[in-house]
Amino acid sequence: PVLRSLDQVFRGRSLLYDLAKTPELVGESLRALAVFVESESESESGGYRDVSGHIDRLSKVQARG
């Protein structure tokens, strides 16, 4: 049961990451930023893939307008 739960957690993180990458690829940086922030808040240990890097970069894009 514990391994199954961990697998579900990793799949969920992967899904959120993919959901954030898709709008980023088509230029919807605000939507991508929102999903990356959600993904980071869901991660108890932080540091999943390069989520924090995406958040930093997309935040700068939003600040520039």
C-alpha atoms as a PDB file:
ATOM      1  CA  PRO A   1       0.000   0.000   0.000  1.00  0.00           C
ATOM      2  CA  VAL A   2       2.788   2.510   0.789  1.00  0.00           C
ATOM      3  CA  LEU A   3       4.557   1.900  -2.524  1.00  0.00           C
ATOM      4  CA  ARG A   4       1.304   2.285  -4.368  1.00  0.00           C
ATOM      5  CA  SER A   5       0.678   5.612  -2.641  1.00  0.00           C
ATOM      6  CA  LEU A   6       4.165   6.843  -3.545  1.00  0.00           C
ATOM      7  CA  ASP A   7       3.592   5.854  -7.154  1.00  0.00           C
ATOM      8  CA  GLN A   8       0.364   7.851  -7.190  1.00  0.00           C
ATOM      9  CA  VAL A   9       2.153  10.876  -5.714  1.00  0.00           C
ATOM     10  CA  PHE A  10       4.870  10.747  -8.371  1.00  0.00           C
ATOM     11  CA  ARG A  11       2.319  10.349 -11.144  1.00  0.00           C
ATOM     12  CA  GLY A  12       0.372  13.316  -9.798  1.00  0.00           C
ATOM     13  CA  ARG A  13       3.488  15.488  -9.739  1.00  0.00           C
ATOM     14  CA  SER A  14       4.371  14.414 -13.247  1.00  0.00           C
ATOM     15  CA  LEU A  15       0.868  15.226 -14.464  1.00  0.00           C
ATOM     16  CA  LEU A  16       0.957  18.706 -12.904  1.00  0.00           C
ATOM     17  CA  TYR A  17       4.369  19.314 -14.456  1.00  0.00           C
ATOM     18  CA  ASP A  18       3.087  18.300 -17.894  1.00  0.00           C
ATOM     19  CA  LEU A  19      -0.028  20.439 -17.417  1.00  0.00           C
ATOM     20  CA  ALA A  20       2.209  23.432 -16.741  1.00  0.00           C
ATOM     21  CA  LYS A  21       4.584  22.789 -19.637  1.00  0.00           C
ATOM     22  CA  THR A  22       1.795  22.685 -22.217  1.00  0.00           C
ATOM     23  CA  PRO A  23       0.553  26.279 -21.815  1.00  0.00           C
ATOM     24  CA  GLU A  24       4.151  27.457 -21.473  1.00  0.00           C
ATOM     25  CA  LEU A  25       4.957  25.973 -24.872  1.00  0.00           C
ATOM     26  CA  VAL A  26       2.129  27.903 -26.528  1.00  0.00           C
ATOM     27  CA  GLY A  27       2.949  31.207 -24.838  1.00  0.00           C
ATOM     28  CA  GLU A  28       0.410  31.179 -22.009  1.00  0.00           C
ATOM     29  CA  SER A  29       2.954  32.067 -19.348  1.00  0.00           C
ATOM     30  CA  LEU A  30       0.465  33.189 -16.687  1.00  0.00           C
ATOM     31  CA  ARG A  31      -1.436  29.907 -16.851  1.00  0.00           C
ATOM     32  CA  ALA A  32       1.809  27.929 -16.812  1.00  0.00           C
ATOM     33  CA  LEU A  33       3.047  29.929 -13.820  1.00  0.00           C
ATOM     34  CA  ALA A  34      -0.149  29.198 -11.892  1.00  0.00           C
ATOM     35  CA  VAL A  35       0.160  25.460 -12.478  1.00  0.00           C
ATOM     36  CA  PHE A  36       3.875  25.414 -11.611  1.00  0.00           C
ATOM     37  CA  VAL A  37       3.123  27.262  -8.349  1.00  0.00           C
ATOM     38  CA  GLU A  38       0.376  24.734  -7.590  1.00  0.00           C
ATOM     39  CA  SER A  39       2.788  21.910  -8.349  1.00  0.00           C
ATOM     40  CA  GLU A  40       5.405  23.370  -6.005  1.00  0.00           C
ATOM     41  CA  SER A  41       2.852  23.824  -3.220  1.00  0.00           C
ATOM     42  CA  GLU A  42       1.767  20.185  -3.579  1.00  0.00           C
ATOM     43  CA  SER A  43       5.340  18.957  -3.261  1.00  0.00           C
ATOM     44  CA  GLU A  44       6.207  18.410   0.393  1.00  0.00           C
ATOM     45  CA  SER A  45       9.922  18.038  -0.262  1.00  0.00           C
ATOM     46  CA  GLY A  46      10.164  20.664  -3.012  1.00  0.00           C
ATOM     47  CA  GLY A  47      12.657  20.535  -5.821  1.00  0.00           C
ATOM     48  CA  TYR A  48      10.618  18.491  -8.277  1.00  0.00           C
ATOM     49  CA  ARG A  49      12.344  18.599 -11.645  1.00  0.00           C
ATOM     50  CA  ASP A  50      13.014  22.235 -12.520  1.00  0.00           C
ATOM     51  CA  VAL A  51       9.750  23.667 -11.203  1.00  0.00           C
ATOM     52  CA  SER A  52      11.390  26.448  -9.179  1.00  0.00           C
ATOM     53  CA  GLY A  53      13.393  27.527 -12.232  1.00  0.00           C
ATOM     54  CA  HIS A  54      10.223  27.722 -14.304  1.00  0.00           C
ATOM     55  CA  ILE A  55       8.528  29.742 -11.562  1.00  0.00           C
ATOM     56  CA  ASP A  56      11.422  32.209 -11.401  1.00  0.00           C
ATOM     57  CA  ARG A  57      11.597  32.635 -15.170  1.00  0.00           C
ATOM     58  CA  LEU A  58       7.838  32.903 -15.699  1.00  0.00           C
ATOM     59  CA  SER A  59       7.543  35.383 -12.817  1.00  0.00           C
ATOM     60  CA  LYS A  60      10.064  37.612 -14.584  1.00  0.00           C
ATOM     61  CA  VAL A  61       8.108  37.314 -17.832  1.00  0.00           C
ATOM     62  CA  GLN A  62       4.940  38.413 -16.020  1.00  0.00           C
ATOM     63  CA  ALA A  63       6.741  41.307 -14.322  1.00  0.00           C
ATOM     64  CA  ARG A  64       7.881  42.622 -17.711  1.00  0.00           C
ATOM     65  CA  GLY A  65       4.333  42.487 -18.956  1.00  0.00           C
END
